[in-house]
Amino acid sequence: MKCQKCEKEFEEKDLQISHDIPKYLGGTDLDGRHWLCKNCHDKYESTILIYYLSIIEEEFLEEDKITLMKEISKLSKPIKSNFRKIAKQVKEEFFNG
């Protein structure tokens, strides 16, 4: 199978399902998903966080990614809806740009 971003060939076990709206933001399969290699999946999730943090003028450290995603998942629905908008924008740019 191919990664749907970098288009490199991988065994199916080496690809990950990436939700277009990450699950920690309340995303579901209905929002869309892609098969990505670990590297592209990490880049996609990091890009969403970087976009948001640039809006609030905070720095992003890769080692803080998991902690940040857990904290975001605890936020109220109205705040997460802003993240969902960002994720949709990132999806368009990431896969079509």
PDB file of N, CA and C in Angstrom:
ATOM      1  N   MET A   1       0.838  -1.188   0.000  1.00  0.00           N
ATOM      2  CA  MET A   1       0.000   0.000   0.000  1.00  0.00           C
ATOM      3  C   MET A   1       0.880   1.247   0.000  1.00  0.00           C
ATOM      4  N   LYS A   2       0.319   2.329  -0.508  1.00  0.00           N
ATOM      5  CA  LYS A   2       1.052   3.593  -0.539  1.00  0.00           C
ATOM      6  C   LYS A   2       0.558   4.535   0.545  1.00  0.00           C
ATOM      7  N   CYS A   3       1.485   5.305   1.088  1.00  0.00           N
ATOM      8  CA  CYS A   3       1.125   6.422   1.959  1.00  0.00           C
ATOM      9  C   CYS A   3       0.397   7.431   1.067  1.00  0.00           C
ATOM     10  N   GLN A   4      -0.717   7.951   1.536  1.00  0.00           N
ATOM     11  CA  GLN A   4      -1.512   8.857   0.718  1.00  0.00           C
ATOM     12  C   GLN A   4      -0.952  10.276   0.676  1.00  0.00           C
ATOM     13  N   LYS A   5       0.172  10.506   1.351  1.00  0.00           N
ATOM     14  CA  LYS A   5       0.839  11.806   1.271  1.00  0.00           C
ATOM     15  C   LYS A   5       2.127  11.689   0.453  1.00  0.00           C
ATOM     16  N   CYS A   6       3.091  10.925   0.955  1.00  0.00           N
ATOM     17  CA  CYS A   6       4.397  10.846   0.282  1.00  0.00           C
ATOM     18  C   CYS A   6       4.394   9.851  -0.880  1.00  0.00           C
ATOM     19  N   GLU A   7       3.373   8.989  -0.936  1.00  0.00           N
ATOM     20  CA  GLU A   7       3.176   8.002  -1.989  1.00  0.00           C
ATOM     21  C   GLU A   7       4.252   6.914  -2.035  1.00  0.00           C
ATOM     22  N   LYS A   8       5.003   6.766  -0.957  1.00  0.00           N
ATOM     23  CA  LYS A   8       5.964   5.661  -0.874  1.00  0.00           C
ATOM     24  C   LYS A   8       5.207   4.389  -0.536  1.00  0.00           C
ATOM     25  N   GLU A   9       5.753   3.278  -1.006  1.00  0.00           N
ATOM     26  CA  GLU A   9       5.151   1.968  -0.748  1.00  0.00           C
ATOM     27  C   GLU A   9       5.520   1.493   0.653  1.00  0.00           C
ATOM     28  N   PHE A  10       4.531   0.934   1.370  1.00  0.00           N
ATOM     29  CA  PHE A  10       4.727   0.370   2.700  1.00  0.00           C
ATOM     30  C   PHE A  10       3.883  -0.886   2.811  1.00  0.00           C
ATOM     31  N   GLU A  11       4.270  -1.749   3.717  1.00  0.00           N
ATOM     32  CA  GLU A  11       3.396  -2.859   4.060  1.00  0.00           C
ATOM     33  C   GLU A  11       2.244  -2.256   4.854  1.00  0.00           C
ATOM     34  N   GLU A  12       1.080  -2.875   4.757  1.00  0.00           N
ATOM     35  CA  GLU A  12      -0.102  -2.325   5.424  1.00  0.00           C
ATOM     36  C   GLU A  12       0.136  -2.121   6.918  1.00  0.00           C
ATOM     37  N   LYS A  13       0.878  -3.021   7.543  1.00  0.00           N
ATOM     38  CA  LYS A  13       1.136  -2.910   8.982  1.00  0.00           C
ATOM     39  C   LYS A  13       1.966  -1.675   9.328  1.00  0.00           C
ATOM     40  N   ASP A  14       2.637  -1.085   8.353  1.00  0.00           N
ATOM     41  CA  ASP A  14       3.477   0.083   8.591  1.00  0.00           C
ATOM     42  C   ASP A  14       2.768   1.401   8.269  1.00  0.00           C
ATOM     43  N   LEU A  15       1.487   1.322   7.925  1.00  0.00           N
ATOM     44  CA  LEU A  15       0.701   2.531   7.679  1.00  0.00           C
ATOM     45  C   LEU A  15      -0.270   2.746   8.834  1.00  0.00           C
ATOM     46  N   GLN A  16      -0.633   3.988   9.052  1.00  0.00           N
ATOM     47  CA  GLN A  16      -1.536   4.346  10.139  1.00  0.00           C
ATOM     48  C   GLN A  16      -2.748   5.063   9.559  1.00  0.00           C
ATOM     49  N   ILE A  17      -3.895   4.853  10.187  1.00  0.00           N
ATOM     50  CA  ILE A  17      -5.088   5.610   9.807  1.00  0.00           C
ATOM     51  C   ILE A  17      -4.969   6.980  10.463  1.00  0.00           C
ATOM     52  N   SER A  18      -5.020   8.009   9.641  1.00  0.00           N
ATOM     53  CA  SER A  18      -4.978   9.381  10.134  1.00  0.00           C
ATOM     54  C   SER A  18      -6.348  10.000   9.915  1.00  0.00           C
ATOM     55  N   HIS A  19      -6.994  10.383  10.990  1.00  0.00           N
ATOM     56  CA  HIS A  19      -8.292  11.052  10.876  1.00  0.00           C
ATOM     57  C   HIS A  19      -8.054  12.491  10.438  1.00  0.00           C
ATOM     58  N   ASP A  20      -8.803  12.934   9.432  1.00  0.00           N
ATOM     59  CA  ASP A  20      -8.632  14.294   8.911  1.00  0.00           C
ATOM     60  C   ASP A  20      -8.859  15.336  10.006  1.00  0.00           C
ATOM     61  N   ILE A  21      -9.828  15.096  10.857  1.00  0.00           N
ATOM     62  CA  ILE A  21      -9.988  15.875  12.087  1.00  0.00           C
ATOM     63  C   ILE A  21      -9.538  14.913  13.182  1.00  0.00           C
ATOM     64  N   PRO A  22      -8.377  15.158  13.793  1.00  0.00           N
ATOM     65  CA  PRO A  22      -7.851  14.204  14.766  1.00  0.00           C
ATOM     66  C   PRO A  22      -8.863  13.844  15.855  1.00  0.00           C
ATOM     67  N   LYS A  23      -8.776  12.616  16.321  1.00  0.00           N
ATOM     68  CA  LYS A  23      -9.712  12.135  17.334  1.00  0.00           C
ATOM     69  C   LYS A  23      -9.655  12.963  18.613  1.00  0.00           C
ATOM     70  N   TYR A  24      -8.489  13.491  18.957  1.00  0.00           N
ATOM     71  CA  TYR A  24      -8.411  14.293  20.176  1.00  0.00           C
ATOM     72  C   TYR A  24      -9.186  15.602  20.047  1.00  0.00           C
ATOM     73  N   LEU A  25      -9.586  15.945  18.812  1.00  0.00           N
ATOM     74  CA  LEU A  25     -10.433  17.120  18.578  1.00  0.00           C
ATOM     75  C   LEU A  25     -11.889  16.714  18.375  1.00  0.00           C
ATOM     76  N   GLY A  26     -12.162  15.433  18.564  1.00  0.00           N
ATOM     77  CA  GLY A  26     -13.524  14.944  18.382  1.00  0.00           C
ATOM     78  C   GLY A  26     -13.803  14.444  16.981  1.00  0.00           C
ATOM     79  N   GLY A  27     -12.762  14.295  16.172  1.00  0.00           N
ATOM     80  CA  GLY A  27     -12.931  13.815  14.806  1.00  0.00           C
ATOM     81  C   GLY A  27     -13.421  12.378  14.770  1.00  0.00           C
ATOM     82  N   THR A  28     -14.129  12.054  13.705  1.00  0.00           N
ATOM     83  CA  THR A  28     -14.641  10.697  13.510  1.00  0.00           C
ATOM     84  C   THR A  28     -14.306  10.245  12.089  1.00  0.00           C
ATOM     85  N   ASP A  29     -14.606   9.002  11.807  1.00  0.00           N
ATOM     86  CA  ASP A  29     -14.387   8.476  10.458  1.00  0.00           C
ATOM     87  C   ASP A  29     -15.174   9.273   9.421  1.00  0.00           C
ATOM     88  N   LEU A  30     -16.325   9.808   9.815  1.00  0.00           N
ATOM     89  CA  LEU A  30     -17.160  10.569   8.877  1.00  0.00           C
ATOM     90  C   LEU A  30     -16.487  11.853   8.401  1.00  0.00           C
ATOM     91  N   ASP A  31     -15.514  12.370   9.169  1.00  0.00           N
ATOM     92  CA  ASP A  31     -14.787  13.574   8.766  1.00  0.00           C
ATOM     93  C   ASP A  31     -13.766  13.275   7.677  1.00  0.00           C
ATOM     94  N   GLY A  32     -13.499  12.001   7.464  1.00  0.00           N
ATOM     95  CA  GLY A  32     -12.507  11.584   6.478  1.00  0.00           C
ATOM     96  C   GLY A  32     -11.264  11.056   7.167  1.00  0.00           C
ATOM     97  N   ARG A  33     -10.535  10.246   6.450  1.00  0.00           N
ATOM     98  CA  ARG A  33      -9.285   9.700   6.981  1.00  0.00           C
ATOM     99  C   ARG A  33      -8.397   9.286   5.827  1.00  0.00           C
ATOM    100  N   HIS A  34      -7.124   9.157   6.117  1.00  0.00           N
ATOM    101  CA  HIS A  34      -6.117   8.789   5.125  1.00  0.00           C
ATOM    102  C   HIS A  34      -5.183   7.746   5.717  1.00  0.00           C
ATOM    103  N   TRP A  35      -4.645   6.906   4.854  1.00  0.00           N
ATOM    104  CA  TRP A  35      -3.584   5.979   5.260  1.00  0.00           C
ATOM    105  C   TRP A  35      -2.264   6.720   5.103  1.00  0.00           C
ATOM    106  N   LEU A  36      -1.549   6.891   6.219  1.00  0.00           N
ATOM    107  CA  LEU A  36      -0.271   7.611   6.196  1.00  0.00           C
ATOM    108  C   LEU A  36       0.819   6.775   6.850  1.00  0.00           C
ATOM    109  N   CYS A  37       2.042   6.971   6.368  1.00  0.00           N
ATOM    110  CA  CYS A  37       3.189   6.383   7.060  1.00  0.00           C
ATOM    111  C   CYS A  37       3.369   7.160   8.370  1.00  0.00           C
ATOM    112  N   LYS A  38       4.126   6.607   9.281  1.00  0.00           N
ATOM    113  CA  LYS A  38       4.308   7.252  10.584  1.00  0.00           C
ATOM    114  C   LYS A  38       4.865   8.663  10.428  1.00  0.00           C
ATOM    115  N   ASN A  39       5.825   8.835   9.542  1.00  0.00           N
ATOM    116  CA  ASN A  39       6.443  10.143   9.348  1.00  0.00           C
ATOM    117  C   ASN A  39       5.416  11.183   8.883  1.00  0.00           C
ATOM    118  N   CYS A  40       4.621  10.853   7.884  1.00  0.00           N
ATOM    119  CA  CYS A  40       3.616  11.796   7.379  1.00  0.00           C
ATOM    120  C   CYS A  40       2.512  12.027   8.405  1.00  0.00           C
ATOM    121  N   HIS A  41       2.144  10.978   9.148  1.00  0.00           N
ATOM    122  CA  HIS A  41       1.119  11.135  10.181  1.00  0.00           C
ATOM    123  C   HIS A  41       1.603  12.102  11.262  1.00  0.00           C
ATOM    124  N   ASP A  42       2.839  11.939  11.688  1.00  0.00           N
ATOM    125  CA  ASP A  42       3.415  12.847  12.681  1.00  0.00           C
ATOM    126  C   ASP A  42       3.453  14.280  12.151  1.00  0.00           C
ATOM    127  N   LYS A  43       3.856  14.442  10.896  1.00  0.00           N
ATOM    128  CA  LYS A  43       3.901  15.779  10.296  1.00  0.00           C
ATOM    129  C   LYS A  43       2.518  16.416  10.257  1.00  0.00           C
ATOM    130  N   TYR A  44       1.506  15.624   9.899  1.00  0.00           N
ATOM    131  CA  TYR A  44       0.137  16.132   9.800  1.00  0.00           C
ATOM    132  C   TYR A  44      -0.356  16.623  11.162  1.00  0.00           C
ATOM    133  N   GLU A  45      -0.209  15.790  12.177  1.00  0.00           N
ATOM    134  CA  GLU A  45      -0.661  16.175  13.523  1.00  0.00           C
ATOM    135  C   GLU A  45       0.141  17.378  14.041  1.00  0.00           C
ATOM    136  N   SER A  46       1.433  17.395  13.796  1.00  0.00           N
ATOM    137  CA  SER A  46       2.255  18.523  14.244  1.00  0.00           C
ATOM    138  C   SER A  46       1.854  19.812  13.538  1.00  0.00           C
ATOM    139  N   THR A  47       1.526  19.714  12.255  1.00  0.00           N
ATOM    140  CA  THR A  47       1.142  20.902  11.493  1.00  0.00           C
ATOM    141  C   THR A  47      -0.117  21.533  12.080  1.00  0.00           C
ATOM    142  N   ILE A  48      -1.089  20.711  12.465  1.00  0.00           N
ATOM    143  CA  ILE A  48      -2.310  21.240  13.084  1.00  0.00           C
ATOM    144  C   ILE A  48      -1.961  21.984  14.362  1.00  0.00           C
ATOM    145  N   LEU A  49      -1.124  21.390  15.195  1.00  0.00           N
ATOM    146  CA  LEU A  49      -0.727  22.046  16.451  1.00  0.00           C
ATOM    147  C   LEU A  49       0.055  23.330  16.192  1.00  0.00           C
ATOM    148  N   ILE A  50       0.959  23.293  15.222  1.00  0.00           N
ATOM    149  CA  ILE A  50       1.765  24.477  14.902  1.00  0.00           C
ATOM    150  C   ILE A  50       0.884  25.620  14.425  1.00  0.00           C
ATOM    151  N   TYR A  51      -0.092  25.327  13.573  1.00  0.00           N
ATOM    152  CA  TYR A  51      -1.017  26.367  13.093  1.00  0.00           C
ATOM    153  C   TYR A  51      -1.719  27.035  14.267  1.00  0.00           C
ATOM    154  N   TYR A  52      -2.278  26.204  15.146  1.00  0.00           N
ATOM    155  CA  TYR A  52      -3.009  26.770  16.278  1.00  0.00           C
ATOM    156  C   TYR A  52      -2.090  27.580  17.180  1.00  0.00           C
ATOM    157  N   LEU A  53      -0.959  27.024  17.516  1.00  0.00           N
ATOM    158  CA  LEU A  53      -0.054  27.716  18.438  1.00  0.00           C
ATOM    159  C   LEU A  53       0.500  29.001  17.833  1.00  0.00           C
ATOM    160  N   SER A  54       0.639  29.049  16.520  1.00  0.00           N
ATOM    161  CA  SER A  54       1.098  30.295  15.898  1.00  0.00           C
ATOM    162  C   SER A  54       0.031  31.385  16.037  1.00  0.00           C
ATOM    163  N   ILE A  55      -1.232  30.991  16.032  1.00  0.00           N
ATOM    164  CA  ILE A  55      -2.317  31.957  16.214  1.00  0.00           C
ATOM    165  C   ILE A  55      -2.268  32.566  17.612  1.00  0.00           C
ATOM    166  N   ILE A  56      -1.995  31.729  18.600  1.00  0.00           N
ATOM    167  CA  ILE A  56      -1.946  32.251  19.971  1.00  0.00           C
ATOM    168  C   ILE A  56      -0.519  32.637  20.385  1.00  0.00           C
ATOM    169  N   GLU A  57       0.370  32.624  19.406  1.00  0.00           N
ATOM    170  CA  GLU A  57       1.757  33.057  19.580  1.00  0.00           C
ATOM    171  C   GLU A  57       2.497  32.280  20.667  1.00  0.00           C
ATOM    172  N   GLU A  58       2.339  30.967  20.622  1.00  0.00           N
ATOM    173  CA  GLU A  58       3.068  30.075  21.514  1.00  0.00           C
ATOM    174  C   GLU A  58       4.035  29.239  20.688  1.00  0.00           C
ATOM    175  N   GLU A  59       5.107  28.803  21.331  1.00  0.00           N
ATOM    176  CA  GLU A  59       6.083  27.963  20.656  1.00  0.00           C
ATOM    177  C   GLU A  59       5.679  26.506  20.754  1.00  0.00           C
ATOM    178  N   PHE A  60       6.043  25.730  19.753  1.00  0.00           N
ATOM    179  CA  PHE A  60       5.741  24.301  19.742  1.00  0.00           C
ATOM    180  C   PHE A  60       7.033  23.516  19.855  1.00  0.00           C
ATOM    181  N   LEU A  61       7.103  22.668  20.848  1.00  0.00           N
ATOM    182  CA  LEU A  61       8.231  21.764  21.000  1.00  0.00           C
ATOM    183  C   LEU A  61       7.728  20.348  20.741  1.00  0.00           C
ATOM    184  N   GLU A  62       8.377  19.666  19.826  1.00  0.00           N
ATOM    185  CA  GLU A  62       7.927  18.333  19.412  1.00  0.00           C
ATOM    186  C   GLU A  62       7.752  17.399  20.613  1.00  0.00           C
ATOM    187  N   GLU A  63       8.615  17.513  21.603  1.00  0.00           N
ATOM    188  CA  GLU A  63       8.513  16.610  22.754  1.00  0.00           C
ATOM    189  C   GLU A  63       7.277  16.881  23.604  1.00  0.00           C
ATOM    190  N   ASP A  64       6.617  18.013  23.394  1.00  0.00           N
ATOM    191  CA  ASP A  64       5.395  18.349  24.136  1.00  0.00           C
ATOM    192  C   ASP A  64       4.127  17.942  23.395  1.00  0.00           C
ATOM    193  N   LYS A  65       4.262  17.328  22.233  1.00  0.00           N
ATOM    194  CA  LYS A  65       3.117  17.061  21.365  1.00  0.00           C
ATOM    195  C   LYS A  65       2.037  16.212  22.044  1.00  0.00           C
ATOM    196  N   ILE A  66       2.400  15.098  22.626  1.00  0.00           N
ATOM    197  CA  ILE A  66       1.411  14.203  23.241  1.00  0.00           C
ATOM    198  C   ILE A  66       0.711  14.893  24.406  1.00  0.00           C
ATOM    199  N   THR A  67       1.468  15.566  25.245  1.00  0.00           N
ATOM    200  CA  THR A  67       0.876  16.286  26.375  1.00  0.00           C
ATOM    201  C   THR A  67      -0.086  17.350  25.884  1.00  0.00           C
ATOM    202  N   LEU A  68       0.303  18.074  24.861  1.00  0.00           N
ATOM    203  CA  LEU A  68      -0.545  19.131  24.303  1.00  0.00           C
ATOM    204  C   LEU A  68      -1.828  18.544  23.721  1.00  0.00           C
ATOM    205  N   MET A  69      -1.731  17.440  23.002  1.00  0.00           N
ATOM    206  CA  MET A  69      -2.926  16.816  22.430  1.00  0.00           C
ATOM    207  C   MET A  69      -3.868  16.349  23.540  1.00  0.00           C
ATOM    208  N   LYS A  70      -3.331  15.807  24.617  1.00  0.00           N
ATOM    209  CA  LYS A  70      -4.176  15.380  25.739  1.00  0.00           C
ATOM    210  C   LYS A  70      -4.883  16.577  26.370  1.00  0.00           C
ATOM    211  N   GLU A  71      -4.166  17.668  26.539  1.00  0.00           N
ATOM    212  CA  GLU A  71      -4.769  18.866  27.132  1.00  0.00           C
ATOM    213  C   GLU A  71      -5.848  19.453  26.222  1.00  0.00           C
ATOM    214  N   ILE A  72      -5.590  19.472  24.940  1.00  0.00           N
ATOM    215  CA  ILE A  72      -6.575  19.994  23.982  1.00  0.00           C
ATOM    216  C   ILE A  72      -7.840  19.142  24.017  1.00  0.00           C
ATOM    217  N   SER A  73      -7.684  17.821  24.153  1.00  0.00           N
ATOM    218  CA  SER A  73      -8.851  16.934  24.158  1.00  0.00           C
ATOM    219  C   SER A  73      -9.781  17.231  25.331  1.00  0.00           C
ATOM    220  N   LYS A  74      -9.286  17.878  26.374  1.00  0.00           N
ATOM    221  CA  LYS A  74     -10.085  18.201  27.561  1.00  0.00           C
ATOM    222  C   LYS A  74     -10.804  19.546  27.452  1.00  0.00           C
ATOM    223  N   LEU A  75     -10.511  20.311  26.409  1.00  0.00           N
ATOM    224  CA  LEU A  75     -11.106  21.636  26.257  1.00  0.00           C
ATOM    225  C   LEU A  75     -12.590  21.542  25.916  1.00  0.00           C
ATOM    226  N   SER A  76     -13.287  22.644  26.098  1.00  0.00           N
ATOM    227  CA  SER A  76     -14.721  22.685  25.804  1.00  0.00           C
ATOM    228  C   SER A  76     -14.966  22.544  24.307  1.00  0.00           C
ATOM    229  N   LYS A  77     -16.180  22.128  23.962  1.00  0.00           N
ATOM    230  CA  LYS A  77     -16.536  21.943  22.550  1.00  0.00           C
ATOM    231  C   LYS A  77     -16.372  23.217  21.729  1.00  0.00           C
ATOM    232  N   PRO A  78     -16.765  24.397  22.230  1.00  0.00           N
ATOM    233  CA  PRO A  78     -16.581  25.609  21.410  1.00  0.00           C
ATOM    234  C   PRO A  78     -15.112  25.888  21.074  1.00  0.00           C
ATOM    235  N   ILE A  79     -14.236  25.646  22.007  1.00  0.00           N
ATOM    236  CA  ILE A  79     -12.806  25.869  21.745  1.00  0.00           C
ATOM    237  C   ILE A  79     -12.299  24.827  20.752  1.00  0.00           C
ATOM    238  N   LYS A  80     -12.716  23.565  20.944  1.00  0.00           N
ATOM    239  CA  LYS A  80     -12.280  22.517  20.019  1.00  0.00           C
ATOM    240  C   LYS A  80     -12.826  22.753  18.610  1.00  0.00           C
ATOM    241  N   SER A  81     -13.953  23.444  18.501  1.00  0.00           N
ATOM    242  CA  SER A  81     -14.480  23.709  17.158  1.00  0.00           C
ATOM    243  C   SER A  81     -13.531  24.603  16.377  1.00  0.00           C
ATOM    244  N   ASN A  82     -12.808  25.501  17.060  1.00  0.00           N
ATOM    245  CA  ASN A  82     -11.784  26.312  16.386  1.00  0.00           C
ATOM    246  C   ASN A  82     -10.646  25.427  15.889  1.00  0.00           C
ATOM    247  N   PHE A  83     -10.255  24.460  16.690  1.00  0.00           N
ATOM    248  CA  PHE A  83      -9.224  23.517  16.266  1.00  0.00           C
ATOM    249  C   PHE A  83      -9.697  22.721  15.056  1.00  0.00           C
ATOM    250  N   ARG A  84     -10.974  22.351  15.042  1.00  0.00           N
ATOM    251  CA  ARG A  84     -11.507  21.588  13.909  1.00  0.00           C
ATOM    252  C   ARG A  84     -11.418  22.404  12.627  1.00  0.00           C
ATOM    253  N   LYS A  85     -11.695  23.701  12.706  1.00  0.00           N
ATOM    254  CA  LYS A  85     -11.579  24.573  11.534  1.00  0.00           C
ATOM    255  C   LYS A  85     -10.132  24.598  11.039  1.00  0.00           C
ATOM    256  N   ILE A  86      -9.211  24.697  11.976  1.00  0.00           N
ATOM    257  CA  ILE A  86      -7.787  24.700  11.631  1.00  0.00           C
ATOM    258  C   ILE A  86      -7.410  23.367  10.990  1.00  0.00           C
ATOM    259  N   ALA A  87      -7.905  22.258  11.571  1.00  0.00           N
ATOM    260  CA  ALA A  87      -7.590  20.933  11.031  1.00  0.00           C
ATOM    261  C   ALA A  87      -8.112  20.795   9.601  1.00  0.00           C
ATOM    262  N   LYS A  88      -9.290  21.318   9.322  1.00  0.00           N
ATOM    263  CA  LYS A  88      -9.831  21.256   7.959  1.00  0.00           C
ATOM    264  C   LYS A  88      -8.949  22.039   6.987  1.00  0.00           C
ATOM    265  N   GLN A  89      -8.474  23.199   7.428  1.00  0.00           N
ATOM    266  CA  GLN A  89      -7.585  24.004   6.584  1.00  0.00           C
ATOM    267  C   GLN A  89      -6.271  23.266   6.338  1.00  0.00           C
ATOM    268  N   VAL A  90      -5.721  22.709   7.400  1.00  0.00           N
ATOM    269  CA  VAL A  90      -4.453  21.966   7.282  1.00  0.00           C
ATOM    270  C   VAL A  90      -4.643  20.779   6.347  1.00  0.00           C
ATOM    271  N   LYS A  91      -5.777  20.079   6.454  1.00  0.00           N
ATOM    272  CA  LYS A  91      -6.040  18.929   5.580  1.00  0.00           C
ATOM    273  C   LYS A  91      -5.974  19.365   4.118  1.00  0.00           C
ATOM    274  N   GLU A  92      -6.642  20.447   3.780  1.00  0.00           N
ATOM    275  CA  GLU A  92      -6.638  20.919   2.390  1.00  0.00           C
ATOM    276  C   GLU A  92      -5.220  21.237   1.909  1.00  0.00           C
ATOM    277  N   GLU A  93      -4.475  21.937   2.731  1.00  0.00           N
ATOM    278  CA  GLU A  93      -3.108  22.326   2.347  1.00  0.00           C
ATOM    279  C   GLU A  93      -2.174  21.117   2.329  1.00  0.00           C
ATOM    280  N   PHE A  94      -2.310  20.230   3.300  1.00  0.00           N
ATOM    281  CA  PHE A  94      -1.419  19.096   3.452  1.00  0.00           C
ATOM    282  C   PHE A  94      -1.578  18.102   2.291  1.00  0.00           C
ATOM    283  N   PHE A  95      -2.809  17.818   1.910  1.00  0.00           N
ATOM    284  CA  PHE A  95      -3.053  16.805   0.895  1.00  0.00           C
ATOM    285  C   PHE A  95      -3.198  17.384  -0.512  1.00  0.00           C
ATOM    286  N   ASN A  96      -3.505  18.659  -0.630  1.00  0.00           N
ATOM    287  CA  ASN A  96      -3.726  19.242  -1.950  1.00  0.00           C
ATOM    288  C   ASN A  96      -2.699  20.317  -2.317  1.00  0.00           C
ATOM    289  N   GLY A  97      -1.867  20.692  -1.361  1.00  0.00           N
ATOM    290  CA  GLY A  97      -0.948  21.807  -1.590  1.00  0.00           C
ATOM    291  C   GLY A  97       0.402  21.441  -2.043  1.00  0.00           C
TER     292      GLY A  97
END
